[in-house]
Amino acid sequence: MTWDRRLVLLRLWLHLNGLLVGLVLGGLLTAAICVVVYLPFQKPTVHEGVVEGFGFIDSEDMGRLPTLWVKLNGGRSVSVTIRRGVICRKGDRITLVHVGLSYRSGVTGCRRPTLSEQTGPR
C-alpha cells in the first residue's frame, strides 16, 4: 500500500469518525486541566494568622457558610470557610493549612491570644 493510499484512507476514517475523535481528545484535555488545577503538587503548609472578621458566604450547594477573614503572619489576608459550631472572635489566633489553591482551617480551630501575644515583645 502506498503512502498516498494510506493518506486517503486516514482522511476518510477521520471524516467518518471525526466527532468521536474530537470528543475523546476534548475529554482528555479537560481531564488533564482538572488534574493540574485541582490536585496539589506541593506538600500542605501550615500558617498562623489572626482573625480579622467573621461573616457568611452564600453557596448554592451548601447554603450559608460561616467564613473567617484571616490576616496571615506574612501580611496576606485570606478568607477561610469553617465548620459550623467553631467559635471564633476577632483577634483570635488560628492555624490554617494551605493545600493547592485554597486555605483550610486547621483541626484546632481558634484560640485566644495569650497575654504575651496581646502586648507584644518589650
PDB file of N, CA and C in Angstrom:
ATOM      1  N   MET A   1       0.843  -1.161   0.000  1.00  0.00           N
ATOM      2  CA  MET A   1       0.000   0.000   0.000  1.00  0.00           C
ATOM      3  C   MET A   1       0.899   1.238   0.000  1.00  0.00           C
ATOM      4  N   THR A   2       0.590   2.170  -0.853  1.00  0.00           N
ATOM      5  CA  THR A   2       1.418   3.367  -0.981  1.00  0.00           C
ATOM      6  C   THR A   2       1.006   4.412   0.068  1.00  0.00           C
ATOM      7  N   TRP A   3       1.882   5.415   0.248  1.00  0.00           N
ATOM      8  CA  TRP A   3       1.607   6.460   1.222  1.00  0.00           C
ATOM      9  C   TRP A   3       0.402   7.299   0.813  1.00  0.00           C
ATOM     10  N   ASP A   4       0.226   7.508  -0.480  1.00  0.00           N
ATOM     11  CA  ASP A   4      -0.935   8.266  -0.938  1.00  0.00           C
ATOM     12  C   ASP A   4      -2.231   7.546  -0.585  1.00  0.00           C
ATOM     13  N   ARG A   5      -2.229   6.244  -0.744  1.00  0.00           N
ATOM     14  CA  ARG A   5      -3.414   5.432  -0.426  1.00  0.00           C
ATOM     15  C   ARG A   5      -3.686   5.478   1.091  1.00  0.00           C
ATOM     16  N   ARG A   6      -2.627   5.375   1.892  1.00  0.00           N
ATOM     17  CA  ARG A   6      -2.793   5.427   3.348  1.00  0.00           C
ATOM     18  C   ARG A   6      -3.337   6.783   3.789  1.00  0.00           C
ATOM     19  N   LEU A   7      -2.848   7.866   3.175  1.00  0.00           N
ATOM     20  CA  LEU A   7      -3.318   9.194   3.500  1.00  0.00           C
ATOM     21  C   LEU A   7      -4.796   9.360   3.150  1.00  0.00           C
ATOM     22  N   VAL A   8      -5.219   8.836   2.028  1.00  0.00           N
ATOM     23  CA  VAL A   8      -6.624   8.904   1.623  1.00  0.00           C
ATOM     24  C   VAL A   8      -7.494   8.121   2.607  1.00  0.00           C
ATOM     25  N   LEU A   9      -7.027   6.933   3.007  1.00  0.00           N
ATOM     26  CA  LEU A   9      -7.797   6.130   3.970  1.00  0.00           C
ATOM     27  C   LEU A   9      -7.867   6.810   5.347  1.00  0.00           C
ATOM     28  N   LEU A  10      -6.772   7.460   5.766  1.00  0.00           N
ATOM     29  CA  LEU A  10      -6.775   8.173   7.035  1.00  0.00           C
ATOM     30  C   LEU A  10      -7.757   9.338   6.995  1.00  0.00           C
ATOM     31  N   ARG A  11      -7.761  10.084   5.901  1.00  0.00           N
ATOM     32  CA  ARG A  11      -8.701  11.192   5.759  1.00  0.00           C
ATOM     33  C   ARG A  11     -10.142  10.697   5.761  1.00  0.00           C
ATOM     34  N   LEU A  12     -10.404   9.600   5.126  1.00  0.00           N
ATOM     35  CA  LEU A  12     -11.748   9.024   5.109  1.00  0.00           C
ATOM     36  C   LEU A  12     -12.157   8.589   6.515  1.00  0.00           C
ATOM     37  N   TRP A  13     -11.237   7.938   7.227  1.00  0.00           N
ATOM     38  CA  TRP A  13     -11.547   7.481   8.580  1.00  0.00           C
ATOM     39  C   TRP A  13     -11.818   8.676   9.506  1.00  0.00           C
ATOM     40  N   LEU A  14     -10.993   9.743   9.394  1.00  0.00           N
ATOM     41  CA  LEU A  14     -11.217  10.938  10.203  1.00  0.00           C
ATOM     42  C   LEU A  14     -12.523  11.630   9.836  1.00  0.00           C
ATOM     43  N   HIS A  15     -12.886  11.619   8.574  1.00  0.00           N
ATOM     44  CA  HIS A  15     -14.144  12.212   8.140  1.00  0.00           C
ATOM     45  C   HIS A  15     -15.328  11.462   8.750  1.00  0.00           C
ATOM     46  N   LEU A  16     -15.236  10.138   8.799  1.00  0.00           N
ATOM     47  CA  LEU A  16     -16.321   9.330   9.345  1.00  0.00           C
ATOM     48  C   LEU A  16     -16.353   9.343  10.872  1.00  0.00           C
ATOM     49  N   ASN A  17     -15.194   9.428  11.526  1.00  0.00           N
ATOM     50  CA  ASN A  17     -15.113   9.332  12.980  1.00  0.00           C
ATOM     51  C   ASN A  17     -14.587  10.606  13.638  1.00  0.00           C
ATOM     52  N   GLY A  18     -14.629  11.713  12.938  1.00  0.00           N
ATOM     53  CA  GLY A  18     -14.051  12.958  13.450  1.00  0.00           C
ATOM     54  C   GLY A  18     -14.709  13.449  14.729  1.00  0.00           C
ATOM     55  N   LEU A  19     -16.036  13.333  14.832  1.00  0.00           N
ATOM     56  CA  LEU A  19     -16.734  13.798  16.022  1.00  0.00           C
ATOM     57  C   LEU A  19     -16.310  12.985  17.243  1.00  0.00           C
ATOM     58  N   LEU A  20     -16.235  11.682  17.088  1.00  0.00           N
ATOM     59  CA  LEU A  20     -15.831  10.827  18.199  1.00  0.00           C
ATOM     60  C   LEU A  20     -14.387  11.109  18.622  1.00  0.00           C
ATOM     61  N   VAL A  21     -13.504  11.263  17.652  1.00  0.00           N
ATOM     62  CA  VAL A  21     -12.103  11.577  17.961  1.00  0.00           C
ATOM     63  C   VAL A  21     -12.013  12.928  18.663  1.00  0.00           C
ATOM     64  N   GLY A  22     -12.763  13.911  18.214  1.00  0.00           N
ATOM     65  CA  GLY A  22     -12.766  15.228  18.848  1.00  0.00           C
ATOM     66  C   GLY A  22     -13.286  15.172  20.278  1.00  0.00           C
ATOM     67  N   LEU A  23     -14.344  14.395  20.500  1.00  0.00           N
ATOM     68  CA  LEU A  23     -14.874  14.268  21.857  1.00  0.00           C
ATOM     69  C   LEU A  23     -13.884  13.588  22.794  1.00  0.00           C
ATOM     70  N   VAL A  24     -13.221  12.556  22.323  1.00  0.00           N
ATOM     71  CA  VAL A  24     -12.240  11.860  23.150  1.00  0.00           C
ATOM     72  C   VAL A  24     -11.061  12.781  23.466  1.00  0.00           C
ATOM     73  N   LEU A  25     -10.542  13.478  22.471  1.00  0.00           N
ATOM     74  CA  LEU A  25      -9.430  14.400  22.712  1.00  0.00           C
ATOM     75  C   LEU A  25      -9.843  15.553  23.625  1.00  0.00           C
ATOM     76  N   GLY A  26     -11.042  16.072  23.447  1.00  0.00           N
ATOM     77  CA  GLY A  26     -11.540  17.131  24.324  1.00  0.00           C
ATOM     78  C   GLY A  26     -11.692  16.655  25.762  1.00  0.00           C
ATOM     79  N   GLY A  27     -12.186  15.425  25.929  1.00  0.00           N
ATOM     80  CA  GLY A  27     -12.309  14.864  27.277  1.00  0.00           C
ATOM     81  C   GLY A  27     -10.960  14.670  27.940  1.00  0.00           C
ATOM     82  N   LEU A  28      -9.990  14.186  27.189  1.00  0.00           N
ATOM     83  CA  LEU A  28      -8.645  14.010  27.739  1.00  0.00           C
ATOM     84  C   LEU A  28      -8.016  15.349  28.116  1.00  0.00           C
ATOM     85  N   LEU A  29      -8.212  16.362  27.284  1.00  0.00           N
ATOM     86  CA  LEU A  29      -7.680  17.692  27.579  1.00  0.00           C
ATOM     87  C   LEU A  29      -8.346  18.284  28.822  1.00  0.00           C
ATOM     88  N   THR A  30      -9.663  18.128  28.945  1.00  0.00           N
ATOM     89  CA  THR A  30     -10.378  18.616  30.125  1.00  0.00           C
ATOM     90  C   THR A  30      -9.905  17.904  31.385  1.00  0.00           C
ATOM     91  N   ALA A  31      -9.722  16.595  31.308  1.00  0.00           N
ATOM     92  CA  ALA A  31      -9.237  15.839  32.470  1.00  0.00           C
ATOM     93  C   ALA A  31      -7.831  16.287  32.863  1.00  0.00           C
ATOM     94  N   ALA A  32      -6.978  16.534  31.898  1.00  0.00           N
ATOM     95  CA  ALA A  32      -5.615  16.984  32.200  1.00  0.00           C
ATOM     96  C   ALA A  32      -5.626  18.353  32.867  1.00  0.00           C
ATOM     97  N   ILE A  33      -6.478  19.261  32.404  1.00  0.00           N
ATOM     98  CA  ILE A  33      -6.573  20.582  33.018  1.00  0.00           C
ATOM     99  C   ILE A  33      -7.092  20.468  34.448  1.00  0.00           C
ATOM    100  N   CYS A  34      -8.087  19.621  34.680  1.00  0.00           N
ATOM    101  CA  CYS A  34      -8.623  19.431  36.032  1.00  0.00           C
ATOM    102  C   CYS A  34      -7.569  18.865  36.971  1.00  0.00           C
ATOM    103  N   VAL A  35      -6.768  17.951  36.496  1.00  0.00           N
ATOM    104  CA  VAL A  35      -5.709  17.383  37.334  1.00  0.00           C
ATOM    105  C   VAL A  35      -4.700  18.459  37.711  1.00  0.00           C
ATOM    106  N   VAL A  36      -4.337  19.293  36.767  1.00  0.00           N
ATOM    107  CA  VAL A  36      -3.353  20.341  37.037  1.00  0.00           C
ATOM    108  C   VAL A  36      -3.910  21.373  38.011  1.00  0.00           C
ATOM    109  N   VAL A  37      -5.181  21.739  37.857  1.00  0.00           N
ATOM    110  CA  VAL A  37      -5.763  22.795  38.683  1.00  0.00           C
ATOM    111  C   VAL A  37      -6.134  22.296  40.076  1.00  0.00           C
ATOM    112  N   TYR A  38      -6.739  21.120  40.180  1.00  0.00           N
ATOM    113  CA  TYR A  38      -7.325  20.697  41.443  1.00  0.00           C
ATOM    114  C   TYR A  38      -6.449  19.799  42.303  1.00  0.00           C
ATOM    115  N   LEU A  39      -5.466  19.157  41.759  1.00  0.00           N
ATOM    116  CA  LEU A  39      -4.605  18.307  42.573  1.00  0.00           C
ATOM    117  C   LEU A  39      -3.383  19.083  43.031  1.00  0.00           C
ATOM    118  N   PRO A  40      -3.149  19.100  44.330  1.00  0.00           N
ATOM    119  CA  PRO A  40      -1.967  19.826  44.809  1.00  0.00           C
ATOM    120  C   PRO A  40      -0.694  19.049  44.503  1.00  0.00           C
ATOM    121  N   PHE A  41       0.311  19.760  44.019  1.00  0.00           N
ATOM    122  CA  PHE A  41       1.595  19.144  43.722  1.00  0.00           C
ATOM    123  C   PHE A  41       2.604  19.420  44.825  1.00  0.00           C
ATOM    124  N   GLN A  42       2.188  20.191  45.814  1.00  0.00           N
ATOM    125  CA  GLN A  42       3.079  20.538  46.906  1.00  0.00           C
ATOM    126  C   GLN A  42       2.567  19.894  48.183  1.00  0.00           C
ATOM    127  N   LYS A  43       3.459  19.806  49.154  1.00  0.00           N
ATOM    128  CA  LYS A  43       3.023  19.340  50.455  1.00  0.00           C
ATOM    129  C   LYS A  43       2.210  20.448  51.108  1.00  0.00           C
ATOM    130  N   PRO A  44       1.206  20.091  51.912  1.00  0.00           N
ATOM    131  CA  PRO A  44       0.456  21.120  52.626  1.00  0.00           C
ATOM    132  C   PRO A  44       1.375  21.901  53.569  1.00  0.00           C
ATOM    133  N   THR A  45       1.170  23.205  53.639  1.00  0.00           N
ATOM    134  CA  THR A  45       1.965  24.036  54.537  1.00  0.00           C
ATOM    135  C   THR A  45       1.049  24.645  55.587  1.00  0.00           C
ATOM    136  N   VAL A  46       1.569  24.817  56.780  1.00  0.00           N
ATOM    137  CA  VAL A  46       0.807  25.345  57.906  1.00  0.00           C
ATOM    138  C   VAL A  46       1.156  26.818  58.108  1.00  0.00           C
ATOM    139  N   HIS A  47       0.129  27.642  58.288  1.00  0.00           N
ATOM    140  CA  HIS A  47       0.305  29.077  58.500  1.00  0.00           C
ATOM    141  C   HIS A  47      -0.469  29.499  59.740  1.00  0.00           C
ATOM    142  N   GLU A  48       0.055  30.476  60.438  1.00  0.00           N
ATOM    143  CA  GLU A  48      -0.631  31.070  61.584  1.00  0.00           C
ATOM    144  C   GLU A  48      -1.181  32.419  61.153  1.00  0.00           C
ATOM    145  N   GLY A  49      -2.310  32.804  61.739  1.00  0.00           N
ATOM    146  CA  GLY A  49      -2.883  34.090  61.422  1.00  0.00           C
ATOM    147  C   GLY A  49      -3.779  34.593  62.529  1.00  0.00           C
ATOM    148  N   VAL A  50      -4.284  35.810  62.338  1.00  0.00           N
ATOM    149  CA  VAL A  50      -5.181  36.449  63.290  1.00  0.00           C
ATOM    150  C   VAL A  50      -6.509  36.702  62.598  1.00  0.00           C
ATOM    151  N   VAL A  51      -7.611  36.374  63.274  1.00  0.00           N
ATOM    152  CA  VAL A  51      -8.945  36.574  62.713  1.00  0.00           C
ATOM    153  C   VAL A  51      -9.226  38.078  62.652  1.00  0.00           C
ATOM    154  N   GLU A  52      -9.549  38.562  61.452  1.00  0.00           N
ATOM    155  CA  GLU A  52      -9.880  39.980  61.255  1.00  0.00           C
ATOM    156  C   GLU A  52     -11.377  40.221  61.224  1.00  0.00           C
ATOM    157  N   GLY A  53     -12.129  39.200  60.819  1.00  0.00           N
ATOM    158  CA  GLY A  53     -13.577  39.380  60.722  1.00  0.00           C
ATOM    159  C   GLY A  53     -14.280  38.057  60.536  1.00  0.00           C
ATOM    160  N   PHE A  54     -15.607  38.113  60.650  1.00  0.00           N
ATOM    161  CA  PHE A  54     -16.432  36.920  60.546  1.00  0.00           C
ATOM    162  C   PHE A  54     -17.661  37.277  59.731  1.00  0.00           C
ATOM    163  N   GLY A  55     -18.111  36.337  58.914  1.00  0.00           N
ATOM    164  CA  GLY A  55     -19.309  36.576  58.124  1.00  0.00           C
ATOM    165  C   GLY A  55     -19.809  35.283  57.507  1.00  0.00           C
ATOM    166  N   PHE A  56     -20.711  35.427  56.567  1.00  0.00           N
ATOM    167  CA  PHE A  56     -21.284  34.275  55.877  1.00  0.00           C
ATOM    168  C   PHE A  56     -21.151  34.483  54.379  1.00  0.00           C
ATOM    169  N   ILE A  57     -20.932  33.392  53.671  1.00  0.00           N
ATOM    170  CA  ILE A  57     -20.926  33.399  52.209  1.00  0.00           C
ATOM    171  C   ILE A  57     -22.036  32.465  51.760  1.00  0.00           C
ATOM    172  N   ASP A  58     -22.874  32.929  50.834  1.00  0.00           N
ATOM    173  CA  ASP A  58     -23.962  32.099  50.334  1.00  0.00           C
ATOM    174  C   ASP A  58     -23.467  31.201  49.220  1.00  0.00           C
ATOM    175  N   SER A  59     -23.804  29.920  49.322  1.00  0.00           N
ATOM    176  CA  SER A  59     -23.433  28.944  48.311  1.00  0.00           C
ATOM    177  C   SER A  59     -24.702  28.251  47.835  1.00  0.00           C
ATOM    178  N   GLU A  60     -24.801  28.024  46.541  1.00  0.00           N
ATOM    179  CA  GLU A  60     -25.979  27.351  46.012  1.00  0.00           C
ATOM    180  C   GLU A  60     -26.077  25.916  46.521  1.00  0.00           C
ATOM    181  N   ASP A  61     -24.940  25.241  46.646  1.00  0.00           N
ATOM    182  CA  ASP A  61     -24.935  23.842  47.042  1.00  0.00           C
ATOM    183  C   ASP A  61     -25.063  23.651  48.550  1.00  0.00           C
ATOM    184  N   MET A  62     -24.360  24.481  49.328  1.00  0.00           N
ATOM    185  CA  MET A  62     -24.235  24.245  50.758  1.00  0.00           C
ATOM    186  C   MET A  62     -25.015  25.229  51.623  1.00  0.00           C
ATOM    187  N   GLY A  63     -25.675  26.229  51.039  1.00  0.00           N
ATOM    188  CA  GLY A  63     -26.377  27.221  51.834  1.00  0.00           C
ATOM    189  C   GLY A  63     -25.423  28.302  52.321  1.00  0.00           C
ATOM    190  N   ARG A  64     -25.702  28.826  53.521  1.00  0.00           N
ATOM    191  CA  ARG A  64     -24.845  29.867  54.098  1.00  0.00           C
ATOM    192  C   ARG A  64     -23.694  29.204  54.829  1.00  0.00           C
ATOM    193  N   LEU A  65     -22.474  29.575  54.454  1.00  0.00           N
ATOM    194  CA  LEU A  65     -21.279  29.005  55.062  1.00  0.00           C
ATOM    195  C   LEU A  65     -20.587  30.037  55.935  1.00  0.00           C
ATOM    196  N   PRO A  66     -20.273  29.678  57.200  1.00  0.00           N
ATOM    197  CA  PRO A  66     -19.526  30.619  58.041  1.00  0.00           C
ATOM    198  C   PRO A  66     -18.116  30.799  57.505  1.00  0.00           C
ATOM    199  N   THR A  67     -17.684  32.033  57.418  1.00  0.00           N
ATOM    200  CA  THR A  67     -16.397  32.357  56.806  1.00  0.00           C
ATOM    201  C   THR A  67     -15.624  33.315  57.705  1.00  0.00           C
ATOM    202  N   LEU A  68     -14.340  33.080  57.811  1.00  0.00           N
ATOM    203  CA  LEU A  68     -13.439  33.970  58.548  1.00  0.00           C
ATOM    204  C   LEU A  68     -12.538  34.694  57.571  1.00  0.00           C
ATOM    205  N   TRP A  69     -12.219  35.941  57.885  1.00  0.00           N
ATOM    206  CA  TRP A  69     -11.192  36.658  57.151  1.00  0.00           C
ATOM    207  C   TRP A  69      -9.982  36.713  58.076  1.00  0.00           C
ATOM    208  N   VAL A  70      -8.873  36.163  57.602  1.00  0.00           N
ATOM    209  CA  VAL A  70      -7.690  35.966  58.439  1.00  0.00           C
ATOM    210  C   VAL A  70      -6.513  36.698  57.829  1.00  0.00           C
ATOM    211  N   LYS A  71      -5.767  37.404  58.683  1.00  0.00           N
ATOM    212  CA  LYS A  71      -4.522  38.040  58.246  1.00  0.00           C
ATOM    213  C   LYS A  71      -3.382  37.127  58.683  1.00  0.00           C
ATOM    214  N   LEU A  72      -2.655  36.584  57.709  1.00  0.00           N
ATOM    215  CA  LEU A  72      -1.557  35.671  57.997  1.00  0.00           C
ATOM    216  C   LEU A  72      -0.367  36.435  58.546  1.00  0.00           C
ATOM    217  N   ASN A  73       0.545  35.717  59.185  1.00  0.00           N
ATOM    218  CA  ASN A  73       1.727  36.357  59.758  1.00  0.00           C
ATOM    219  C   ASN A  73       2.567  37.055  58.690  1.00  0.00           C
ATOM    220  N   GLY A  74       2.506  36.585  57.445  1.00  0.00           N
ATOM    221  CA  GLY A  74       3.253  37.207  56.364  1.00  0.00           C
ATOM    222  C   GLY A  74       2.617  38.486  55.847  1.00  0.00           C
ATOM    223  N   GLY A  75       1.412  38.845  56.344  1.00  0.00           N
ATOM    224  CA  GLY A  75       0.757  40.067  55.910  1.00  0.00           C
ATOM    225  C   GLY A  75      -0.365  39.858  54.918  1.00  0.00           C
ATOM    226  N   ARG A  76      -0.498  38.680  54.365  1.00  0.00           N
ATOM    227  CA  ARG A  76      -1.530  38.396  53.375  1.00  0.00           C
ATOM    228  C   ARG A  76      -2.857  38.114  54.067  1.00  0.00           C
ATOM    229  N   SER A  77      -3.962  38.615  53.522  1.00  0.00           N
ATOM    230  CA  SER A  77      -5.298  38.346  54.060  1.00  0.00           C
ATOM    231  C   SER A  77      -5.991  37.319  53.185  1.00  0.00           C
ATOM    232  N   VAL A  78      -6.608  36.319  53.825  1.00  0.00           N
ATOM    233  CA  VAL A  78      -7.311  35.254  53.109  1.00  0.00           C
ATOM    234  C   VAL A  78      -8.660  35.024  53.771  1.00  0.00           C
ATOM    235  N   SER A  79      -9.593  34.437  53.016  1.00  0.00           N
ATOM    236  CA  SER A  79     -10.872  34.025  53.590  1.00  0.00           C
ATOM    237  C   SER A  79     -10.891  32.511  53.693  1.00  0.00           C
ATOM    238  N   VAL A  80     -11.485  32.026  54.781  1.00  0.00           N
ATOM    239  CA  VAL A  80     -11.500  30.597  55.061  1.00  0.00           C
ATOM    240  C   VAL A  80     -12.898  30.207  55.503  1.00  0.00           C
ATOM    241  N   THR A  81     -13.453  29.179  54.872  1.00  0.00           N
ATOM    242  CA  THR A  81     -14.728  28.635  55.313  1.00  0.00           C
ATOM    243  C   THR A  81     -14.464  27.687  56.471  1.00  0.00           C
ATOM    244  N   ILE A  82     -15.230  27.830  57.544  1.00  0.00           N
ATOM    245  CA  ILE A  82     -15.025  26.991  58.721  1.00  0.00           C
ATOM    246  C   ILE A  82     -16.256  26.115  58.948  1.00  0.00           C
ATOM    247  N   ARG A  83     -16.088  25.107  59.787  1.00  0.00           N
ATOM    248  CA  ARG A  83     -17.203  24.228  60.129  1.00  0.00           C
ATOM    249  C   ARG A  83     -18.187  24.981  61.011  1.00  0.00           C
ATOM    250  N   ARG A  84     -19.438  24.579  60.933  1.00  0.00           N
ATOM    251  CA  ARG A  84     -20.444  25.151  61.828  1.00  0.00           C
ATOM    252  C   ARG A  84     -20.127  24.701  63.246  1.00  0.00           C
ATOM    253  N   GLY A  85     -20.323  25.568  64.182  1.00  0.00           N
ATOM    254  CA  GLY A  85     -20.061  25.233  65.572  1.00  0.00           C
ATOM    255  C   GLY A  85     -18.700  25.687  66.061  1.00  0.00           C
ATOM    256  N   VAL A  86     -17.803  26.072  65.173  1.00  0.00           N
ATOM    257  CA  VAL A  86     -16.499  26.594  65.583  1.00  0.00           C
ATOM    258  C   VAL A  86     -16.703  28.032  66.032  1.00  0.00           C
ATOM    259  N   ILE A  87     -16.236  28.335  67.221  1.00  0.00           N
ATOM    260  CA  ILE A  87     -16.441  29.669  67.784  1.00  0.00           C
ATOM    261  C   ILE A  87     -15.136  30.455  67.654  1.00  0.00           C
ATOM    262  N   CYS A  88     -15.192  31.535  66.911  1.00  0.00           N
ATOM    263  CA  CYS A  88     -14.026  32.396  66.721  1.00  0.00           C
ATOM    264  C   CYS A  88     -14.466  33.842  66.906  1.00  0.00           C
ATOM    265  N   ARG A  89     -13.565  34.644  67.471  1.00  0.00           N
ATOM    266  CA  ARG A  89     -13.802  36.075  67.639  1.00  0.00           C
ATOM    267  C   ARG A  89     -12.684  36.848  66.947  1.00  0.00           C
ATOM    268  N   LYS A  90     -12.974  38.104  66.713  1.00  0.00           N
ATOM    269  CA  LYS A  90     -11.957  38.964  66.118  1.00  0.00           C
ATOM    270  C   LYS A  90     -10.765  39.053  67.068  1.00  0.00           C
ATOM    271  N   GLY A  91      -9.562  38.879  66.517  1.00  0.00           N
ATOM    272  CA  GLY A  91      -8.346  38.916  67.311  1.00  0.00           C
ATOM    273  C   GLY A  91      -7.842  37.546  67.730  1.00  0.00           C
ATOM    274  N   ASP A  92      -8.669  36.493  67.559  1.00  0.00           N
ATOM    275  CA  ASP A  92      -8.225  35.136  67.895  1.00  0.00           C
ATOM    276  C   ASP A  92      -7.154  34.671  66.927  1.00  0.00           C
ATOM    277  N   ARG A  93      -6.299  33.779  67.393  1.00  0.00           N
ATOM    278  CA  ARG A  93      -5.280  33.171  66.538  1.00  0.00           C
ATOM    279  C   ARG A  93      -5.866  31.900  65.948  1.00  0.00           C
ATOM    280  N   ILE A  94      -5.471  31.591  64.723  1.00  0.00           N
ATOM    281  CA  ILE A  94      -5.959  30.380  64.063  1.00  0.00           C
ATOM    282  C   ILE A  94      -4.833  29.794  63.232  1.00  0.00           C
ATOM    283  N   THR A  95      -4.818  28.476  63.147  1.00  0.00           N
ATOM    284  CA  THR A  95      -3.856  27.757  62.316  1.00  0.00           C
ATOM    285  C   THR A  95      -4.561  27.357  61.032  1.00  0.00           C
ATOM    286  N   LEU A  96      -3.977  27.706  59.885  1.00  0.00           N
ATOM    287  CA  LEU A  96      -4.537  27.366  58.577  1.00  0.00           C
ATOM    288  C   LEU A  96      -3.592  26.432  57.847  1.00  0.00           C
ATOM    289  N   VAL A  97      -4.183  25.588  57.013  1.00  0.00           N
ATOM    290  CA  VAL A  97      -3.410  24.670  56.182  1.00  0.00           C
ATOM    291  C   VAL A  97      -3.611  25.089  54.735  1.00  0.00           C
ATOM    292  N   HIS A  98      -2.506  25.359  54.046  1.00  0.00           N
ATOM    293  CA  HIS A  98      -2.550  25.750  52.635  1.00  0.00           C
ATOM    294  C   HIS A  98      -2.373  24.503  51.790  1.00  0.00           C
ATOM    295  N   VAL A  99      -3.442  24.130  51.061  1.00  0.00           N
ATOM    296  CA  VAL A  99      -3.420  22.943  50.211  1.00  0.00           C
ATOM    297  C   VAL A  99      -3.838  23.372  48.810  1.00  0.00           C
ATOM    298  N   GLY A 100      -2.963  23.136  47.838  1.00  0.00           N
ATOM    299  CA  GLY A 100      -3.288  23.503  46.468  1.00  0.00           C
ATOM    300  C   GLY A 100      -3.487  24.999  46.326  1.00  0.00           C
ATOM    301  N   LEU A 101      -4.716  25.403  45.972  1.00  0.00           N
ATOM    302  CA  LEU A 101      -5.007  26.815  45.757  1.00  0.00           C
ATOM    303  C   LEU A 101      -5.794  27.434  46.896  1.00  0.00           C
ATOM    304  N   SER A 102      -6.145  26.672  47.927  1.00  0.00           N
ATOM    305  CA  SER A 102      -7.012  27.198  48.970  1.00  0.00           C
ATOM    306  C   SER A 102      -6.425  27.001  50.360  1.00  0.00           C
ATOM    307  N   TYR A 103      -6.990  27.738  51.300  1.00  0.00           N
ATOM    308  CA  TYR A 103      -6.639  27.612  52.705  1.00  0.00           C
ATOM    309  C   TYR A 103      -7.795  26.926  53.416  1.00  0.00           C
ATOM    310  N   ARG A 104      -7.466  26.078  54.383  1.00  0.00           N
ATOM    311  CA  ARG A 104      -8.471  25.391  55.190  1.00  0.00           C
ATOM    312  C   ARG A 104      -8.125  25.583  56.652  1.00  0.00           C
ATOM    313  N   SER A 105      -9.151  25.634  57.477  1.00  0.00           N
ATOM    314  CA  SER A 105      -8.882  25.816  58.897  1.00  0.00           C
ATOM    315  C   SER A 105      -8.314  24.523  59.458  1.00  0.00           C
ATOM    316  N   GLY A 106      -7.367  24.667  60.366  1.00  0.00           N
ATOM    317  CA  GLY A 106      -6.760  23.509  60.996  1.00  0.00           C
ATOM    318  C   GLY A 106      -7.726  22.839  61.956  1.00  0.00           C
ATOM    319  N   VAL A 107      -7.350  21.700  62.472  1.00  0.00           N
ATOM    320  CA  VAL A 107      -8.223  20.943  63.356  1.00  0.00           C
ATOM    321  C   VAL A 107      -8.367  21.610  64.714  1.00  0.00           C
ATOM    322  N   THR A 108      -7.460  22.489  65.094  1.00  0.00           N
ATOM    323  CA  THR A 108      -7.519  23.105  66.416  1.00  0.00           C
ATOM    324  C   THR A 108      -8.529  24.237  66.482  1.00  0.00           C
ATOM    325  N   GLY A 109      -8.966  24.791  65.381  1.00  0.00           N
ATOM    326  CA  GLY A 109      -9.889  25.910  65.405  1.00  0.00           C
ATOM    327  C   GLY A 109      -9.200  27.175  65.882  1.00  0.00           C
ATOM    328  N   CYS A 110      -9.954  28.051  66.532  1.00  0.00           N
ATOM    329  CA  CYS A 110      -9.413  29.325  67.012  1.00  0.00           C
ATOM    330  C   CYS A 110      -8.962  29.189  68.458  1.00  0.00           C
ATOM    331  N   ARG A 111      -7.994  30.030  68.830  1.00  0.00           N
ATOM    332  CA  ARG A 111      -7.579  30.080  70.228  1.00  0.00           C
ATOM    333  C   ARG A 111      -7.363  31.535  70.599  1.00  0.00           C
ATOM    334  N   ARG A 112      -7.635  31.833  71.838  1.00  0.00           N
ATOM    335  CA  ARG A 112      -7.468  33.192  72.330  1.00  0.00           C
ATOM    336  C   ARG A 112      -5.982  33.500  72.441  1.00  0.00           C
ATOM    337  N   PRO A 113      -5.569  34.710  72.077  1.00  0.00           N
ATOM    338  CA  PRO A 113      -4.145  35.052  72.205  1.00  0.00           C
ATOM    339  C   PRO A 113      -3.740  35.130  73.676  1.00  0.00           C
ATOM    340  N   THR A 114      -2.522  34.706  73.958  1.00  0.00           N
ATOM    341  CA  THR A 114      -2.010  34.795  75.314  1.00  0.00           C
ATOM    342  C   THR A 114      -1.667  36.242  75.627  1.00  0.00           C
ATOM    343  N   LEU A 115      -1.400  36.516  76.888  1.00  0.00           N
ATOM    344  CA  LEU A 115      -1.092  37.885  77.295  1.00  0.00           C
ATOM    345  C   LEU A 115       0.162  38.403  76.598  1.00  0.00           C
ATOM    346  N   SER A 116       1.174  37.543  76.426  1.00  0.00           N
ATOM    347  CA  SER A 116       2.396  37.986  75.754  1.00  0.00           C
ATOM    348  C   SER A 116       2.146  38.269  74.281  1.00  0.00           C
ATOM    349  N   GLU A 117       1.230  37.537  73.638  1.00  0.00           N
ATOM    350  CA  GLU A 117       0.902  37.803  72.239  1.00  0.00           C
ATOM    351  C   GLU A 117       0.099  39.101  72.098  1.00  0.00           C
ATOM    352  N   GLN A 118      -0.701  39.419  73.115  1.00  0.00           N
ATOM    353  CA  GLN A 118      -1.506  40.643  73.046  1.00  0.00           C
ATOM    354  C   GLN A 118      -0.667  41.896  73.205  1.00  0.00           C
ATOM    355  N   THR A 119       0.295  41.851  74.141  1.00  0.00           N
ATOM    356  CA  THR A 119       1.096  43.042  74.409  1.00  0.00           C
ATOM    357  C   THR A 119       2.285  43.163  73.476  1.00  0.00           C
ATOM    358  N   GLY A 120       2.762  42.037  72.923  1.00  0.00           N
ATOM    359  CA  GLY A 120       3.912  42.066  72.025  1.00  0.00           C
ATOM    360  C   GLY A 120       5.211  42.063  72.791  1.00  0.00           C
ATOM    361  N   PRO A 121       6.329  41.988  72.100  1.00  0.00           N
ATOM    362  CA  PRO A 121       7.621  41.949  72.771  1.00  0.00           C
ATOM    363  C   PRO A 121       7.969  43.304  73.389  1.00  0.00           C
ATOM    364  N   ARG A 122       8.706  43.263  74.491  1.00  0.00           N
ATOM    365  CA  ARG A 122       9.090  44.523  75.157  1.00  0.00           C
ATOM    366  C   ARG A 122      10.520  44.851  74.922  1.00  0.00           C
TER     367      ARG A 122
END
